[in-house]
């Protein structure tokens, strides 16, 4: 198992190094050399949303009780925590490792496997969201090109490699029997459908009410992602060096 984790992480690092070496600096802060292709994929994603995802999400919102939706979201969030613990450890954010480990234990044991968000109910700190793309950023890897990924939408090259590594890293999926994916993957999909319903106004505003939905989505994604990455790196920089004089 350790060998598998090590191999997966190293593969992601190699991909990120190759991406970083091929990325020139951008004068406007956005490196999008594949904009023509990205726009085609964006239009595909937009059509997929308007014809399938959005209608399904509306139906979900009308038929699934709020409590059931919240339970699904809680379980999905709980299943994501082990991966966040691994990435927090790789980023040397030990406080976050402790917070997420306690939350995972509390919600799993006292929250019926994560159905109830017991940790939040008793006032514990929220779990710290992170991913392998953020881990690469902490260690100085370039964000690379801007990409529009089929189904997944806006990403940077670094975030895309991180997404791949997180998928294969998946501590829960690798500790449980392979049959568990028959439950965890559909749960992940249903949770995303619930998110599409919950944030419908914001998403519709970007995709269907902006003058150029591609530019709007790209700008919002990069701003949010860079803000999150910047906060993470600043937190690392603020840590005390125990060996400093």
Protein backbone atom coordinates (compact mmCIF):
# COMPACT_ATOMS: atom_id res chain seq x y z
CA UNK A 1 0.00 0.00 0.00
CA UNK A 2 2.79 2.44 0.89
CA UNK A 3 4.58 1.53 -2.36
CA UNK A 4 1.37 2.26 -4.29
CA UNK A 5 0.99 5.69 -2.65
CA UNK A 6 4.65 6.51 -3.30
CA UNK A 7 4.42 5.46 -6.96
CA UNK A 8 1.23 7.50 -7.49
CA UNK A 9 2.68 10.63 -5.90
CA UNK A 10 5.95 10.35 -7.85
CA UNK A 11 4.02 9.97 -11.11
CA UNK A 12 2.14 13.18 -10.38
CA UNK A 13 5.36 15.03 -9.58
CA UNK A 14 6.98 13.88 -12.84
CA UNK A 15 3.97 15.11 -14.85
CA UNK A 16 4.04 18.45 -13.03
CA UNK A 17 7.77 18.87 -13.68
CA UNK A 18 7.26 18.26 -17.39
CA UNK A 19 4.41 20.76 -17.44
CA UNK A 20 6.39 23.37 -15.54
CA UNK A 21 9.38 23.06 -17.85
CA UNK A 22 7.22 23.74 -20.90
CA UNK A 23 5.33 26.74 -19.53
CA UNK A 24 6.60 30.22 -20.48
CA UNK A 25 5.76 33.24 -18.33
CA UNK A 26 2.54 35.08 -19.21
CA UNK A 27 2.35 38.87 -19.35
CA UNK A 28 -1.36 39.03 -18.44
CA UNK A 29 -1.25 36.30 -15.79
CA UNK A 30 -3.21 33.84 -17.93
CA UNK A 31 -1.46 31.20 -20.03
CA UNK A 32 -4.07 29.82 -22.40
CA UNK A 33 -2.31 28.71 -25.62
CA UNK A 34 -5.05 26.17 -26.36
CA UNK A 35 -7.95 28.62 -26.17
CA UNK A 36 -9.50 27.45 -29.44
CA UNK A 37 -9.66 23.84 -28.25
CA UNK A 38 -10.62 24.93 -24.74
CA UNK A 39 -13.58 26.89 -26.11
CA UNK A 40 -14.81 23.83 -27.99
CA UNK A 41 -14.62 21.74 -24.82
CA UNK A 42 -16.29 24.57 -22.89
CA UNK A 43 -19.16 24.56 -25.38
CA UNK A 44 -19.43 20.78 -25.00
CA UNK A 45 -19.54 21.10 -21.20
CA UNK A 46 -22.10 23.89 -21.49
CA UNK A 47 -24.33 21.79 -23.76
CA UNK A 48 -23.96 18.84 -21.39
CA UNK A 49 -25.03 21.06 -18.52
CA UNK A 50 -28.04 22.60 -20.26
CA UNK A 51 -29.31 19.31 -21.71
CA UNK A 52 -28.53 16.89 -18.89
CA UNK A 53 -26.89 18.10 -15.69
CA UNK A 54 -29.04 21.17 -14.99
CA UNK A 55 -32.40 19.43 -15.66
CA UNK A 56 -31.37 16.45 -13.51
CA UNK A 57 -30.23 18.84 -10.76
CA UNK A 58 -33.56 20.68 -10.86
CA UNK A 59 -35.41 17.39 -10.58
CA UNK A 60 -33.12 16.36 -7.74
CA UNK A 61 -33.88 19.58 -5.89
CA UNK A 62 -37.62 19.09 -6.26
CA UNK A 63 -37.74 15.42 -5.21
CA UNK A 64 -34.92 14.82 -2.72
CA UNK A 65 -35.66 16.09 0.81
CA UNK A 66 -33.21 18.62 2.20
CA UNK A 67 -32.21 16.28 5.03
CA UNK A 68 -31.39 13.48 2.58
CA UNK A 69 -29.37 15.88 0.43
CA UNK A 70 -27.46 17.03 3.51
CA UNK A 71 -26.76 13.42 4.53
CA UNK A 72 -25.37 12.62 1.07
CA UNK A 73 -23.19 15.72 1.19
CA UNK A 74 -21.95 14.82 4.67
CA UNK A 75 -20.96 11.28 3.65
CA UNK A 76 -19.20 12.50 0.50
CA UNK A 77 -17.28 15.10 2.51
CA UNK A 78 -16.31 12.48 5.09
CA UNK A 79 -15.02 10.12 2.39
CA UNK A 80 -12.86 12.94 1.00
CA UNK A 81 -11.10 13.62 4.31
CA UNK A 82 -8.51 10.77 4.14
CA UNK A 83 -7.16 12.21 0.87
CA UNK A 84 -7.07 15.66 2.46
CA UNK A 85 -5.12 14.23 5.40
CA UNK A 86 -2.53 12.74 3.03
CA UNK A 87 -2.13 16.02 1.14
CA UNK A 88 -1.97 18.09 4.34
CA UNK A 89 0.81 15.79 5.58
CA UNK A 90 2.70 16.18 2.29
CA UNK A 91 2.35 19.95 2.67
CA UNK A 92 3.69 19.71 6.26
CA UNK A 93 0.48 21.30 7.56
CA UNK A 94 0.39 19.16 10.68
CA UNK A 95 -2.31 21.23 12.39
CA UNK A 96 -4.62 20.48 9.47
CA UNK A 97 -3.73 16.79 9.66
CA UNK A 98 -4.82 16.75 13.30
CA UNK A 99 -8.04 18.70 12.64
CA UNK A 100 -9.08 16.48 9.73
CA UNK A 101 -8.15 13.26 11.54
CA UNK A 102 -10.25 14.20 14.56
CA UNK A 103 -13.17 15.22 12.33
CA UNK A 104 -12.96 11.97 10.36
CA UNK A 105 -12.90 9.89 13.53
CA UNK A 106 -15.71 11.84 15.18
CA UNK A 107 -18.06 11.78 12.18
CA UNK A 108 -17.35 8.15 11.32
CA UNK A 109 -17.88 6.83 14.85
CA UNK A 110 -20.46 9.24 16.26
CA UNK A 111 -22.09 10.35 13.01
CA UNK A 112 -23.21 6.99 11.59
CA UNK A 113 -20.36 6.74 9.12
CA UNK A 114 -20.49 10.42 8.27
CA UNK A 115 -24.23 10.74 7.64
CA UNK A 116 -24.42 13.22 10.51
CA UNK A 117 -21.81 15.98 10.68
CA UNK A 118 -21.29 15.51 14.40
CA UNK A 119 -17.97 17.38 14.42
CA UNK A 120 -19.60 20.61 13.25
CA UNK A 121 -22.59 20.15 15.56
CA UNK A 122 -20.29 20.07 18.60
CA UNK A 123 -18.35 23.12 17.40
CA UNK A 124 -15.16 21.60 15.99
CA UNK A 125 -13.12 23.39 13.33
CA UNK A 126 -14.23 22.76 9.75
CA UNK A 127 -12.23 20.24 7.74
CA UNK A 128 -9.44 21.79 5.68
CA UNK A 129 -10.05 21.24 1.96
CA UNK A 130 -6.95 20.52 -0.07
CA UNK A 131 -5.76 18.42 -3.00
CA UNK A 132 -2.62 17.22 -4.74
CA UNK A 133 -2.67 20.18 -7.12
CA UNK A 134 -2.31 22.40 -4.06
CA UNK A 135 0.46 20.14 -2.76
CA UNK A 136 2.37 20.66 -6.01
CA UNK A 137 1.89 24.43 -5.67
CA UNK A 138 3.29 24.41 -2.14
CA UNK A 139 6.48 22.87 -3.52
CA UNK A 140 6.79 25.50 -6.23
CA UNK A 141 5.43 23.78 -9.33
CA UNK A 142 4.03 26.09 -12.00
CA UNK A 143 0.28 26.09 -12.60
CA UNK A 144 0.94 25.46 -16.30
CA UNK A 145 -1.62 26.03 -19.03
CA UNK A 146 -5.25 26.83 -18.45
CA UNK A 147 -7.40 23.88 -19.49
CA UNK A 148 -11.09 23.20 -19.95
CA UNK A 149 -11.48 19.54 -19.05
CA UNK A 150 -14.45 17.55 -20.42
CA UNK A 151 -17.13 17.15 -17.71
CA UNK A 152 -14.86 18.59 -14.97
CA UNK A 153 -14.68 22.10 -16.44
CA UNK A 154 -12.03 24.77 -15.72
CA UNK A 155 -8.64 23.59 -14.46
CA UNK A 156 -4.99 24.52 -14.63
CA UNK A 157 -2.53 21.97 -15.92
CA UNK A 158 -1.19 21.51 -12.39
CA UNK A 159 -4.68 21.06 -10.97
CA UNK A 160 -5.47 18.50 -13.68
CA UNK A 161 -2.46 16.39 -12.75
CA UNK A 162 -3.49 16.78 -9.13
CA UNK A 163 -6.98 15.54 -9.96
CA UNK A 164 -5.53 12.42 -11.59
CA UNK A 165 -3.22 11.72 -8.64
CA UNK A 166 -6.02 12.26 -6.10
CA UNK A 167 -8.22 9.81 -8.01
CA UNK A 168 -5.62 7.03 -7.91
CA UNK A 169 -4.31 7.97 -4.45
CA UNK A 170 -7.82 7.63 -2.92
CA UNK A 171 -6.97 6.12 0.51
CA UNK A 172 -10.56 5.00 1.11
CA UNK A 173 -10.87 3.28 -2.25
CA UNK A 174 -7.57 1.48 -1.75
CA UNK A 175 -8.26 0.36 1.81
CA UNK A 176 -11.78 -0.92 1.18
CA UNK A 177 -12.71 -3.81 -1.16
CA UNK A 178 -12.90 -2.92 -4.86
CA UNK A 179 -16.66 -3.39 -4.73
CA UNK A 180 -16.86 -0.29 -2.51
CA UNK A 181 -16.35 1.89 -5.60
CA UNK A 182 -19.81 0.77 -6.72
CA UNK A 183 -21.09 2.85 -3.82
CA UNK A 184 -18.54 5.65 -3.46
CA UNK A 185 -18.49 6.76 -7.12
CA UNK A 186 -22.29 7.05 -7.51
CA UNK A 187 -22.37 8.86 -4.17
CA UNK A 188 -19.79 11.34 -5.50
CA UNK A 189 -21.89 11.90 -8.65
CA UNK A 190 -25.11 12.43 -6.69
CA UNK A 191 -23.32 14.89 -4.40
CA UNK A 192 -22.17 16.90 -7.43
CA UNK A 193 -25.73 16.92 -8.78
CA UNK A 194 -26.83 18.29 -5.42
CA UNK A 195 -24.15 20.99 -5.64
CA UNK A 196 -25.38 21.94 -9.13
CA UNK A 197 -28.84 22.44 -7.69
CA UNK A 198 -27.63 24.34 -4.62
CA UNK A 199 -25.48 26.79 -6.58
CA UNK A 200 -27.77 27.02 -9.61
CA UNK A 201 -28.10 30.82 -9.57
CA UNK A 202 -24.34 31.43 -9.54
CA UNK A 203 -23.59 28.77 -12.17
CA UNK A 204 -26.40 29.91 -14.46
CA UNK A 205 -25.19 33.48 -14.16
CA UNK A 206 -21.74 32.51 -15.41
CA UNK A 207 -22.78 30.06 -18.12
CA UNK A 208 -25.94 31.63 -19.51
CA UNK A 209 -26.06 35.29 -18.50
CA UNK A 210 -22.48 36.52 -19.04
CA UNK A 211 -21.37 38.07 -22.33
CA UNK A 212 -18.63 35.46 -22.78
CA UNK A 213 -19.15 32.43 -20.55
CA UNK A 214 -15.70 31.01 -21.38
CA UNK A 215 -13.89 34.17 -20.24
CA UNK A 216 -16.16 34.48 -17.18
CA UNK A 217 -15.58 30.87 -16.10
CA UNK A 218 -11.84 31.09 -16.71
CA UNK A 219 -11.47 34.34 -14.79
CA UNK A 220 -13.52 33.18 -11.80
CA UNK A 221 -11.77 29.82 -11.60
CA UNK A 222 -8.25 31.28 -11.78
CA UNK A 223 -9.05 34.00 -9.21
CA UNK A 224 -10.50 31.52 -6.73
CA UNK A 225 -7.81 28.90 -7.29
CA UNK A 226 -4.93 31.37 -7.00
CA UNK A 227 -6.43 32.89 -3.86
CA UNK A 228 -6.69 29.44 -2.26
CA UNK A 229 -3.18 28.43 -3.35
CA UNK A 230 -1.76 31.77 -2.20
CA UNK A 231 -3.33 31.41 1.24
CA UNK A 232 -1.92 27.91 1.53
CA UNK A 233 1.61 28.94 0.58
CA UNK A 234 1.47 31.92 2.97
CA UNK A 235 0.43 29.59 5.79
CA UNK A 236 3.43 27.37 5.05
CA UNK A 237 5.76 30.38 4.96
CA UNK A 238 4.45 31.55 8.34
CA UNK A 239 5.41 28.30 10.08
CA UNK A 240 8.26 28.62 12.54
CA UNK A 241 11.48 26.86 11.70
CA UNK A 242 12.29 24.75 14.79
CA UNK A 243 15.97 24.75 13.81
CA UNK A 244 16.26 28.50 13.28
CA UNK A 245 18.58 30.44 15.57
